[in-house]
Protein backbone atom coordinates (compact mmCIF):
# COMPACT_ATOMS: atom_id res chain seq x y z
CA MET A 1 49.22 -39.25 23.85
CA ASP A 2 47.29 -38.91 27.11
CA VAL A 3 48.22 -41.18 29.99
CA PRO A 4 45.19 -41.93 32.20
CA LEU A 5 45.42 -41.46 35.94
CA PRO A 6 45.80 -44.69 37.91
CA GLN A 7 42.35 -45.67 39.00
CA VAL A 8 40.20 -48.35 40.53
CA ASP A 9 39.29 -51.25 38.28
CA GLY A 10 36.14 -50.25 36.43
CA ALA A 11 34.52 -53.67 36.64
CA GLU A 12 31.18 -54.00 38.36
CA VAL A 13 31.10 -55.64 41.79
CA SER A 14 28.31 -57.80 43.16
CA ILE A 15 26.82 -56.61 46.45
CA GLY A 16 24.16 -59.34 46.77
CA GLY A 17 20.66 -58.80 48.11
CA CYS A 18 17.34 -60.62 48.44
CA GLY A 19 16.23 -59.63 44.99
CA GLY A 20 19.29 -61.12 43.31
CA PRO A 21 22.91 -60.16 42.80
CA ALA A 22 22.74 -56.36 42.57
CA ARG A 23 25.74 -54.78 40.90
CA MET A 24 27.85 -51.85 42.07
CA SER A 25 30.29 -50.07 39.79
CA ALA A 26 33.81 -49.24 40.94
CA GLU A 27 32.82 -45.57 41.08
CA GLU A 28 29.78 -46.29 43.25
CA ARG A 29 31.82 -48.54 45.53
CA SER A 30 34.58 -45.94 45.92
CA LYS A 31 32.09 -43.20 46.74
CA ALA A 32 30.26 -45.43 49.20
CA GLU A 33 33.50 -46.28 51.01
CA ARG A 34 34.76 -42.69 51.08
CA LYS A 35 35.37 -41.60 54.65
CA ARG A 36 33.56 -38.59 56.09
CA LEU A 37 35.64 -35.65 57.29
CA PRO A 38 36.03 -35.64 61.07
CA ALA A 39 34.72 -32.81 63.24
CA TRP A 40 38.13 -31.19 63.68
CA PHE A 41 38.37 -30.17 59.99
CA ARG A 42 37.75 -26.50 60.56
CA THR A 43 39.66 -23.25 60.45
CA THR A 44 38.91 -19.60 61.19
CA LEU A 45 38.85 -16.65 58.81
CA PRO A 46 41.28 -13.74 59.16
CA THR A 47 40.13 -10.44 60.62
CA GLY A 48 41.32 -6.84 60.60
CA ASN A 49 44.30 -6.07 58.37
CA ALA A 50 44.60 -9.70 57.24
CA GLN A 51 40.99 -9.70 56.02
CA ARG A 52 41.50 -6.41 54.18
CA ARG A 53 44.63 -7.74 52.52
CA PHE A 54 42.81 -10.91 51.43
CA ASN A 55 40.02 -8.83 49.88
CA GLU A 56 42.53 -6.66 47.99
CA THR A 57 44.42 -9.70 46.71
CA LYS A 58 41.24 -11.44 45.60
CA SER A 59 40.10 -8.32 43.75
CA ASN A 60 43.43 -8.11 41.91
CA VAL A 61 43.27 -11.78 40.94
CA HIS A 62 39.76 -11.58 39.51
CA GLU A 63 40.13 -8.15 37.92
CA HIS A 64 43.22 -9.19 35.96
CA GLY A 65 42.22 -12.81 35.27
CA LEU A 66 45.16 -14.26 37.21
CA HIS A 67 45.48 -17.94 38.09
CA THR A 68 46.86 -19.36 41.32
CA VAL A 69 47.15 -22.83 42.79
CA CYS A 70 45.46 -21.40 45.89
CA GLU A 71 42.11 -20.97 44.11
CA GLU A 72 42.33 -23.78 41.57
CA ALA A 73 43.20 -26.38 44.24
CA ARG A 74 40.50 -24.95 46.56
CA CYS A 75 43.05 -24.67 49.36
CA PRO A 76 41.37 -24.36 52.78
CA ASN A 77 44.02 -21.83 53.84
CA ILE A 78 43.58 -19.34 51.00
CA HIS A 79 42.14 -16.63 53.28
CA ASP A 80 44.98 -17.06 55.75
CA CYS A 81 47.82 -17.07 53.21
CA TRP A 82 46.52 -14.28 50.97
CA GLY A 83 45.72 -12.25 54.06
CA ARG A 84 49.36 -12.52 55.10
CA GLY A 85 50.98 -11.87 51.76
CA THR A 86 51.66 -15.39 50.43
CA ALA A 87 50.39 -16.96 47.20
CA THR A 88 51.31 -20.04 45.14
CA PHE A 89 51.68 -20.19 41.34
CA MET A 90 52.19 -23.27 39.16
CA ILE A 91 54.38 -23.04 36.07
CA ALA A 92 55.46 -25.22 33.12
CA GLY A 93 51.96 -26.08 32.00
CA GLU A 94 48.75 -27.55 33.36
CA VAL A 95 49.58 -31.23 32.87
CA CYS A 96 52.31 -33.43 34.33
CA THR A 97 54.33 -36.27 32.82
CA ARG A 98 53.73 -38.40 35.92
CA GLY A 99 50.66 -40.11 37.29
CA CYS A 100 50.93 -40.08 41.07
CA ARG A 101 47.84 -41.60 42.67
CA PHE A 102 47.24 -38.72 45.06
CA CYS A 103 47.42 -35.82 42.60
CA ALA A 104 44.56 -34.15 40.72
CA VAL A 105 46.81 -32.63 38.03
CA GLY A 106 46.23 -34.25 34.63
CA THR A 107 48.95 -36.36 33.00
CA GLN A 108 50.37 -36.60 29.49
CA LYS A 109 53.41 -38.40 28.17
CA THR A 110 54.28 -35.38 26.01
CA PRO A 111 52.71 -32.15 27.30
CA PRO A 112 52.48 -29.00 25.14
CA PRO A 113 55.73 -27.04 24.68
CA LEU A 114 56.74 -24.59 27.38
CA SER A 115 55.50 -21.05 26.83
CA PRO A 116 58.34 -18.55 26.25
CA ASN A 117 55.99 -15.83 27.57
CA GLU A 118 55.43 -17.53 30.90
CA PRO A 119 58.32 -15.87 32.83
CA ALA A 120 57.05 -12.38 31.97
CA GLU A 121 53.41 -13.34 32.60
CA LEU A 122 54.30 -14.86 35.97
CA ALA A 123 56.24 -11.75 36.98
CA GLU A 124 53.28 -9.57 36.05
CA ALA A 125 50.90 -11.76 38.07
CA VAL A 126 53.10 -11.61 41.17
CA GLU A 127 53.37 -7.84 40.86
CA ARG A 128 49.63 -7.31 40.38
CA MET A 129 48.76 -9.50 43.37
CA GLY A 130 51.04 -7.48 45.61
CA VAL A 131 52.28 -10.49 47.59
CA LYS A 132 55.33 -10.45 49.88
CA HIS A 133 56.27 -14.11 49.42
CA ALA A 134 55.56 -16.10 46.24
CA VAL A 135 55.75 -19.87 46.04
CA ILE A 136 56.51 -21.06 42.50
CA THR A 137 55.57 -24.71 42.09
CA VAL A 138 56.05 -26.85 38.99
CA VAL A 139 54.73 -29.90 37.22
CA ASN A 140 57.12 -32.72 36.33
CA ARG A 141 58.48 -32.38 32.81
CA ASP A 142 60.27 -35.67 32.20
CA ASP A 143 59.85 -35.03 28.47
CA LEU A 144 62.56 -32.35 28.64
CA PRO A 145 66.29 -33.19 28.87
CA ASP A 146 66.77 -30.99 31.95
CA GLY A 147 63.36 -31.70 33.47
CA GLY A 148 62.35 -28.08 32.88
CA ALA A 149 65.14 -26.61 35.06
CA GLU A 150 66.12 -23.82 32.65
CA HIS A 151 62.51 -22.71 32.32
CA TYR A 152 62.04 -22.71 36.08
CA ARG A 153 65.17 -20.60 36.40
CA ASN A 154 63.94 -18.09 33.80
CA CYS A 155 60.64 -17.73 35.64
CA ILE A 156 62.33 -17.06 38.98
CA LEU A 157 64.72 -14.53 37.45
CA ALA A 158 61.88 -12.69 35.71
CA VAL A 159 59.90 -12.36 38.94
CA ASN A 160 62.96 -11.17 40.86
CA GLU A 161 63.81 -8.59 38.22
CA ARG A 162 60.30 -7.14 38.27
CA CYS A 163 59.61 -7.61 42.01
CA PRO A 164 62.99 -7.56 43.78
CA ASP A 165 61.42 -7.16 47.22
CA VAL A 166 59.23 -10.28 46.94
CA GLY A 167 60.61 -13.35 48.72
CA LEU A 168 60.74 -16.36 46.38
CA GLU A 169 60.29 -20.03 47.15
CA LEU A 170 60.68 -22.73 44.51
CA LEU A 171 58.74 -25.95 45.09
CA CYS A 172 60.69 -28.02 42.60
CA SER A 173 60.28 -31.43 41.00
CA ASP A 174 62.98 -34.08 41.42
CA LEU A 175 64.20 -33.28 37.86
CA ASP A 176 64.29 -37.05 37.32
CA GLY A 177 67.41 -37.14 39.48
CA ASN A 178 69.41 -34.89 37.13
CA LEU A 179 71.94 -33.27 39.50
CA GLU A 180 73.63 -31.31 36.71
CA ALA A 181 70.30 -29.69 35.85
CA LEU A 182 69.81 -28.91 39.54
CA ALA A 183 73.22 -27.20 39.69
CA ASN A 184 72.41 -25.07 36.63
CA LEU A 185 69.03 -24.17 38.12
CA LEU A 186 70.35 -23.05 41.50
CA GLN A 187 73.46 -21.16 40.45
CA ASP A 188 73.07 -17.64 41.88
CA LEU A 189 69.29 -18.04 41.79
CA PRO A 190 67.59 -15.37 43.97
CA LEU A 191 65.65 -17.66 46.29
CA ARG A 192 64.75 -17.72 49.95
CA VAL A 193 63.58 -21.33 50.04
CA PHE A 194 64.23 -24.43 47.94
CA ALA A 195 61.48 -26.97 48.50
CA HIS A 196 60.90 -30.48 47.26
CA ASN A 197 58.22 -32.76 48.71
CA VAL A 198 58.88 -36.40 49.56
CA GLU A 199 55.05 -36.72 49.80
CA CYS A 200 54.90 -39.96 51.84
CA VAL A 201 56.94 -42.31 54.01
CA PRO A 202 59.45 -44.50 52.08
CA ARG A 203 57.45 -47.73 52.36
CA LEU A 204 54.50 -46.22 50.48
CA ASP A 205 56.41 -44.89 47.46
CA SER A 206 55.11 -47.60 45.14
CA VAL A 207 51.52 -47.09 46.34
CA VAL A 208 51.37 -43.29 46.32
CA ARG A 209 53.86 -41.94 43.78
CA ASP A 210 54.67 -42.48 40.11
CA PRO A 211 57.28 -45.26 39.58
CA ARG A 212 59.80 -42.62 38.47
CA ALA A 213 59.70 -40.98 41.90
CA SER A 214 61.11 -42.31 45.16
CA PHE A 215 61.92 -41.15 48.67
CA GLU A 216 65.58 -41.97 48.02
CA GLN A 217 65.73 -39.86 44.86
CA SER A 218 63.98 -36.99 46.62
CA LEU A 219 66.53 -37.14 49.45
CA LYS A 220 69.37 -36.95 46.92
CA ILE A 221 67.88 -33.83 45.33
CA LEU A 222 67.42 -32.17 48.72
CA GLN A 223 70.89 -33.10 49.93
CA GLU A 224 72.54 -31.87 46.74
CA ALA A 225 70.56 -28.62 46.85
CA LYS A 226 71.88 -28.01 50.35
CA ARG A 227 75.44 -28.77 49.24
CA LEU A 228 75.16 -26.43 46.27
CA ARG A 229 73.39 -23.62 48.12
CA PRO A 230 73.90 -23.86 51.89
CA ASP A 231 72.52 -20.32 52.15
CA LEU A 232 69.03 -21.45 51.13
CA ALA A 233 66.41 -22.70 53.56
CA LEU A 234 65.54 -26.29 52.63
CA LYS A 235 61.93 -27.48 52.91
CA SER A 236 59.86 -30.63 52.41
CA SER A 237 56.38 -31.98 53.10
CA ILE A 238 54.73 -35.26 54.10
CA MET A 239 51.11 -36.30 53.56
CA VAL A 240 49.54 -38.59 56.15
CA GLY A 241 46.44 -40.75 56.24
CA ILE A 242 47.47 -43.05 53.39
CA GLY A 243 48.59 -46.16 55.25
CA GLU A 244 51.66 -45.06 57.21
CA THR A 245 52.19 -45.64 60.92
CA ASP A 246 52.87 -42.84 63.38
CA GLU A 247 56.39 -44.16 63.88
CA GLU A 248 57.09 -44.16 60.15
CA VAL A 249 56.27 -40.46 60.01
CA VAL A 250 58.87 -39.77 62.68
CA GLU A 251 61.45 -41.93 60.89
CA ALA A 252 60.78 -40.08 57.60
CA MET A 253 61.27 -36.75 59.35
CA GLN A 254 64.58 -38.01 60.73
CA LEU A 255 65.78 -38.88 57.23
CA LEU A 256 64.85 -35.40 56.01
CA CYS A 257 66.58 -33.74 58.93
CA GLN A 258 69.76 -35.73 58.26
CA VAL A 259 70.13 -34.32 54.72
CA GLY A 260 69.71 -30.72 55.86
CA VAL A 261 65.97 -30.02 55.58
CA GLU A 262 65.06 -27.24 58.02
CA LEU A 263 61.41 -26.44 57.26
CA ILE A 264 58.77 -29.16 57.29
CA THR A 265 55.01 -29.35 56.85
CA LEU A 266 52.75 -32.31 57.63
CA GLY A 267 49.13 -32.46 56.50
CA GLN A 268 46.18 -34.77 55.98
CA TYR A 269 45.76 -36.29 52.52
CA LEU A 270 42.29 -35.82 51.03
CA GLN A 271 41.09 -37.82 48.03
CA PRO A 272 40.59 -35.48 45.01
CA SER A 273 38.13 -37.86 43.31
CA TRP A 274 36.87 -41.41 43.47
CA LYS A 275 39.58 -42.44 40.98
CA HIS A 276 42.40 -41.42 43.28
CA LEU A 277 44.04 -43.12 46.23
CA ALA A 278 41.56 -43.56 49.08
CA VAL A 279 42.08 -42.05 52.53
CA GLU A 280 43.09 -44.79 54.96
CA ARG A 281 42.77 -42.85 58.21
CA PHE A 282 42.41 -39.41 59.80
CA PRO A 283 45.09 -38.94 62.49
CA GLU A 284 43.71 -36.96 65.41
CA PRO A 285 44.87 -33.39 66.17
CA ALA A 286 46.80 -34.64 69.20
CA THR A 287 48.87 -36.82 66.88
CA PHE A 288 49.73 -33.83 64.66
CA ALA A 289 50.77 -31.96 67.81
CA ALA A 290 53.01 -34.86 68.79
CA TRP A 291 54.62 -34.85 65.33
CA ASP A 292 55.15 -31.10 65.64
CA GLN A 293 56.93 -31.60 68.95
CA ALA A 294 59.03 -34.47 67.60
CA ALA A 295 60.11 -32.36 64.59
CA ARG A 296 61.19 -29.48 66.81
CA GLU A 297 63.17 -31.81 69.05
CA MET A 298 64.97 -33.19 66.00
CA GLY A 299 66.16 -29.72 65.08
CA PHE A 300 63.77 -28.46 62.38
CA THR A 301 63.75 -24.67 62.58
CA ALA A 302 60.18 -24.21 61.31
CA VAL A 303 57.25 -26.63 61.54
CA ALA A 304 53.61 -26.65 60.47
CA SER A 305 51.71 -29.83 61.32
CA GLY A 306 47.96 -30.20 61.16
CA PRO A 307 45.02 -31.76 59.28
CA LEU A 308 44.51 -28.67 57.09
CA VAL A 309 48.18 -27.87 56.53
CA ARG A 310 49.39 -27.99 52.92
CA SER A 311 52.96 -27.81 51.65
CA SER A 312 52.81 -24.05 51.02
CA TYR A 313 50.89 -23.26 54.20
CA ARG A 314 51.91 -19.81 55.51
CA ALA A 315 55.07 -20.16 53.44
CA GLY A 316 56.32 -16.64 54.04
CA LEU A 317 55.70 -16.84 57.79
CA LEU A 318 57.30 -20.30 57.92
CA TRP A 319 60.46 -18.86 56.37
CA GLU A 320 60.38 -16.05 58.95
CA GLU A 321 60.12 -18.69 61.69
CA ALA A 322 63.17 -20.48 60.27
CA MET A 323 65.03 -17.17 60.42
CA GLY A 324 64.26 -16.86 64.15
CA GLY A 325 60.78 -15.32 64.01
CA GLU A 326 57.65 -16.31 65.88
CA PRO A 327 56.38 -19.86 65.14
CA VAL A 328 53.55 -19.90 62.62
CA VAL A 329 51.45 -22.02 64.99
CA THR A 330 51.32 -19.21 67.57
CA ARG A 331 51.04 -16.28 65.15
CA ASP A 332 47.36 -15.37 64.81
CA SER A 333 46.47 -19.07 64.89
CA THR A 334 43.60 -20.20 62.67
CA GLY A 335 43.60 -23.83 63.81
CA SER A 336 45.07 -25.29 60.61
CA ALA A 337 48.40 -26.10 62.30
CA ILE A 338 48.39 -27.91 65.64
CA SER A 339 51.13 -27.66 68.25
CA HIS A 340 51.74 -27.94 71.97
CA LEU A 341 53.31 -24.49 71.61
CA ASN A 342 49.77 -23.18 71.16
CA PRO A 343 47.43 -25.79 72.63
CA SER A 344 43.71 -25.65 71.90
CA LYS A 345 41.40 -27.28 74.41
CA ASP A 346 38.97 -28.26 71.67
CA LEU A 347 41.64 -29.76 69.41
CA LEU A 348 44.04 -31.36 71.85
CA ALA A 349 41.85 -32.58 74.69
CA THR A 350 41.06 -35.86 72.93
CA ASN A 351 43.26 -38.81 73.70
CA GLU A 352 45.84 -36.81 75.69
CA ALA A 353 47.03 -39.92 77.49
CA ARG A 354 47.63 -41.69 74.16
CA SER A 355 49.39 -38.61 72.80
CA SER A 356 51.73 -38.50 75.82
CA SER A 357 52.58 -42.15 75.27
CA ARG A 358 53.32 -41.50 71.57
CA ILE A 359 55.62 -38.60 72.43
CA LYS A 360 57.63 -40.86 74.74
CA GLN A 361 57.90 -43.44 71.96
CA TYR A 362 59.05 -40.75 69.51
CA GLU A 363 61.68 -39.55 71.98
CA GLN A 364 63.03 -43.08 72.20
CA VAL A 365 63.19 -43.32 68.40
CA ILE A 366 64.88 -39.93 68.08
CA ARG A 367 67.49 -40.72 70.72
CA GLY A 368 68.19 -44.14 69.17
């Protein structure tokens, strides 16, 4: 049975007027109140070898009828990531058992059975695309006793067997808190990065995420993953613009750092449709730069913070940064990630005085 996405009440709303009480539907009201994108929502296209690699990858995808999250989610960084050898694939079906208010993926209480052919099909897709780093992301499968862990494992193993030189990153669900399933999943699994997104600051769990998810449960999964596999790079992501304060973002990063997370991305939430959670604000680029600086001072080894950053942004390069490579924000910058390591006059000139004040506040929070 389908479970509808959480949505605005469908009742009509009176908006008044001289000619009588005109009526506005919930959809019309939501669309009317939808915030316009600010001027800084822009990025640049790759050039040279990166552009040629993007063209080759795109040709392979279309020629062989492959499906990636990059295209289906209309990611603004698709040119950048494909041009640098990274792509994201979603497994375990096209619908999720949860109904988070920010997510465009459909929901069902009991999704279709897992496909036994998916591991082989995924491996073939990764090979045909010719990527260097593949992010395998999953839907929640609360209908399965192990949350889908065995299937996720089979998919990773199949890709590694067929493409042993491709770096693998698993963006995992919280497995409904099943630590035994997590242990079975990670045992000797050939991964570079284990990722799980907390999505928002703790206070907003009940507003943003499905009731079965929580910041606390996500922290437990991340902490246990680090205990089980200290050799893996641990990664998480936070969306902003949904009602949090700047200070809450810093506090959430501190909690992640304390359980062993080393790679972090921060990006602007955008409303997929009028039915989904509305955008509350658009933090300025200078604020993203301040968060980037705060994260680095806490000890994160790789950071991507910016309005257009998504959880898999430059995933392969972010892993290289964590291993001691050049920061992704200074490596052929496209403007998606913002940092004082690579300041842009256009992006960072606004509200510099306010940004400096915020950084001082963050330093006080960090140092207790």
